[in-house]
Protein backbone atom coordinates (compact mmCIF):
# COMPACT_ATOMS: atom_id res chain seq x y z
CA UNK A 1 81.32 104.76 62.20
CA UNK A 2 81.79 107.29 64.93
CA UNK A 3 82.11 111.01 65.01
CA UNK A 4 85.33 112.22 66.77
CA UNK A 5 86.89 115.41 68.22
CA UNK A 6 90.60 115.68 67.80
CA UNK A 7 91.91 118.68 69.64
CA UNK A 8 95.66 119.17 69.14
CA UNK A 9 97.45 121.40 71.66
CA UNK A 10 100.40 123.79 71.06
CA UNK A 11 100.29 124.50 67.35
CA UNK A 12 100.09 127.76 65.58
CA UNK A 13 100.71 129.75 68.71
CA UNK A 14 103.13 132.82 68.19
CA UNK A 15 104.21 131.61 64.82
CA UNK A 16 105.84 128.53 66.17
CA UNK A 17 104.75 124.84 65.33
CA UNK A 18 102.77 126.04 62.20
CA UNK A 19 100.28 123.50 60.89
CA UNK A 20 98.27 124.29 57.85
CA UNK A 21 94.74 123.21 58.86
CA UNK A 22 93.68 122.50 55.16
CA UNK A 23 96.82 120.28 54.66
CA UNK A 24 96.32 118.42 58.10
CA UNK A 25 92.71 117.71 57.13
CA UNK A 26 93.95 116.14 53.81
CA UNK A 27 96.37 114.11 55.76
CA UNK A 28 93.64 112.90 58.09
CA UNK A 29 91.57 111.75 55.07
CA UNK A 30 94.52 109.94 53.63
CA UNK A 31 94.62 108.00 57.04
CA UNK A 32 91.02 106.90 56.42
CA UNK A 33 89.02 109.53 58.19
CA UNK A 34 86.03 110.94 56.47
CA UNK A 35 83.76 114.25 56.68
CA UNK A 36 87.12 115.89 58.03
CA UNK A 37 86.78 119.57 59.19
CA UNK A 38 88.70 122.01 61.30
CA UNK A 39 87.61 125.08 63.46
CA UNK A 40 89.60 128.19 62.33
CA UNK A 41 93.39 127.99 63.01
CA UNK A 42 92.94 126.37 66.41
CA UNK A 43 94.08 122.68 66.01
CA UNK A 44 90.47 121.55 66.64
CA UNK A 45 89.61 118.75 63.94
CA UNK A 46 86.39 116.65 63.69
CA UNK A 47 85.91 113.62 61.56
CA UNK A 48 84.17 110.27 61.32
CA UNK A 49 86.06 107.05 61.69
CA UNK A 50 85.28 103.27 61.78
CA UNK A 51 88.34 102.67 63.99
CA UNK A 52 87.70 101.93 67.72
CA UNK A 53 89.32 104.61 69.96
CA UNK A 54 92.25 102.62 70.90
CA UNK A 55 93.07 101.69 67.17
CA UNK A 56 92.53 105.41 66.42
CA UNK A 57 94.88 106.46 69.04
CA UNK A 58 97.76 104.30 67.65
CA UNK A 59 97.15 105.42 64.13
CA UNK A 60 97.18 109.21 65.09
CA UNK A 61 100.15 108.92 67.47
CA UNK A 62 102.20 107.18 64.62
CA UNK A 63 100.95 109.80 62.21
CA UNK A 64 101.96 112.73 64.61
CA UNK A 65 105.40 111.18 65.40
CA UNK A 66 106.27 111.00 61.60
CA UNK A 67 104.77 114.14 60.22
CA UNK A 68 104.48 116.42 63.10
CA UNK A 69 106.88 115.41 66.07
CA UNK A 70 106.37 118.65 68.02
CA UNK A 71 102.71 117.64 68.69
CA UNK A 72 103.04 115.94 71.84
CA UNK A 73 99.58 116.30 73.50
CA UNK A 74 96.00 116.08 72.16
CA UNK A 75 92.41 115.11 73.34
CA UNK A 76 90.32 112.65 71.28
CA UNK A 77 86.62 111.85 72.01
CA UNK A 78 83.51 110.77 70.34
CA UNK A 79 80.42 112.84 69.86
CA UNK A 80 78.71 110.28 72.17
CA UNK A 81 81.32 110.72 74.91
CA UNK A 82 80.73 114.36 74.59
CA UNK A 83 77.01 114.23 74.78
CA UNK A 84 77.18 111.88 78.03
CA UNK A 85 79.66 114.39 79.37
CA UNK A 86 77.26 117.27 78.83
CA UNK A 87 74.39 115.29 80.38
CA UNK A 88 76.33 114.41 83.46
CA UNK A 89 77.30 118.00 84.34
CA UNK A 90 76.41 119.27 87.84
CA UNK A 91 73.51 121.66 88.18
CA UNK A 92 75.76 124.46 89.15
CA UNK A 93 77.41 124.37 85.58
CA UNK A 94 74.19 126.18 84.35
CA UNK A 95 74.57 128.94 86.94
CA UNK A 96 76.10 132.42 86.31
CA UNK A 97 79.71 132.78 87.14
CA UNK A 98 82.18 135.43 86.51
CA UNK A 99 84.21 132.81 84.67
CA UNK A 100 83.78 129.15 83.61
CA UNK A 101 86.66 127.15 82.16
CA UNK A 102 86.90 123.53 80.80
CA UNK A 103 90.44 121.73 81.18
CA UNK A 104 89.97 118.86 78.95
CA UNK A 105 92.07 115.70 79.53
CA UNK A 106 94.71 114.90 77.15
CA UNK A 107 95.35 111.42 75.92
CA UNK A 108 97.84 109.27 78.14
CA UNK A 109 97.34 111.80 80.99
CA UNK A 110 97.42 110.34 84.49
CA UNK A 111 93.99 111.63 85.52
CA UNK A 112 94.44 110.52 89.05
CA UNK A 113 97.70 112.57 89.47
CA UNK A 114 95.99 115.43 87.89
CA UNK A 115 93.19 115.20 90.42
CA UNK A 116 95.58 115.04 93.29
CA UNK A 117 97.41 118.19 92.02
CA UNK A 118 94.15 120.14 91.64
CA UNK A 119 92.70 119.02 94.84
CA UNK A 120 95.90 120.08 96.60
CA UNK A 121 95.38 123.60 95.48
CA UNK A 122 93.70 126.28 97.88
CA UNK A 123 90.39 126.94 96.25
CA UNK A 124 88.75 130.17 97.43
CA UNK A 125 85.54 131.07 95.71
CA UNK A 126 85.89 128.35 93.10
CA UNK A 127 84.08 125.39 92.30
CA UNK A 128 85.05 122.39 90.13
CA UNK A 129 83.74 119.10 88.95
CA UNK A 130 85.92 116.19 87.55
CA UNK A 131 84.15 114.64 84.50
CA UNK A 132 85.24 111.86 82.20
CA UNK A 133 86.65 114.30 79.67
CA UNK A 134 87.91 117.22 81.79
CA UNK A 135 87.83 119.50 84.72
CA UNK A 136 84.89 121.95 84.78
CA UNK A 137 85.85 125.20 86.87
CA UNK A 138 83.56 127.93 88.11
CA UNK A 139 84.88 131.32 89.39
CA UNK A 140 82.40 133.47 91.36
CA UNK A 141 84.40 136.76 91.88
CA UNK A 142 86.06 138.94 89.23
CA UNK A 143 88.17 140.76 91.75
CA UNK A 144 90.25 137.65 92.64
CA UNK A 145 90.34 136.07 89.23
CA UNK A 146 93.98 136.72 88.75
CA UNK A 147 94.62 134.49 91.98
CA UNK A 148 92.44 131.62 90.76
CA UNK A 149 93.94 128.24 91.12
CA UNK A 150 92.90 127.62 87.39
CA UNK A 151 95.60 129.87 86.27
CA UNK A 152 98.22 128.04 88.18
CA UNK A 153 97.92 124.86 86.28
């Protein structure tokens, strides 16, 4: 049994693609997940499952296609994946920055293509790290934040 984070994107924004968190949690339980919870109205869900990740991906994709066809992208990772990611972050991530952001990879994303796009951007006072779960982005200067490459993606 593993603990998973299931982060659904593009729901409950501006009154569009409404998903009732309590109902969604119940539906995840009906799919066999246990100890299901959500964080506010964000689309962030947490649960335990005995499925291996690839099996779980298929179950979740089938469920979303049938019940919530407007949900096209999501991130899925285990607590262990997250703990390993945090342990492998570079030292600079602990430093003070004007702003730090994390862009979590979504499932089925071509990570190599995303890296190419990001590496093609002109980074000024920005620093980044490509992790297993996402891109970690630091911005030193408040005055140029509106021109950050992070905002462009």
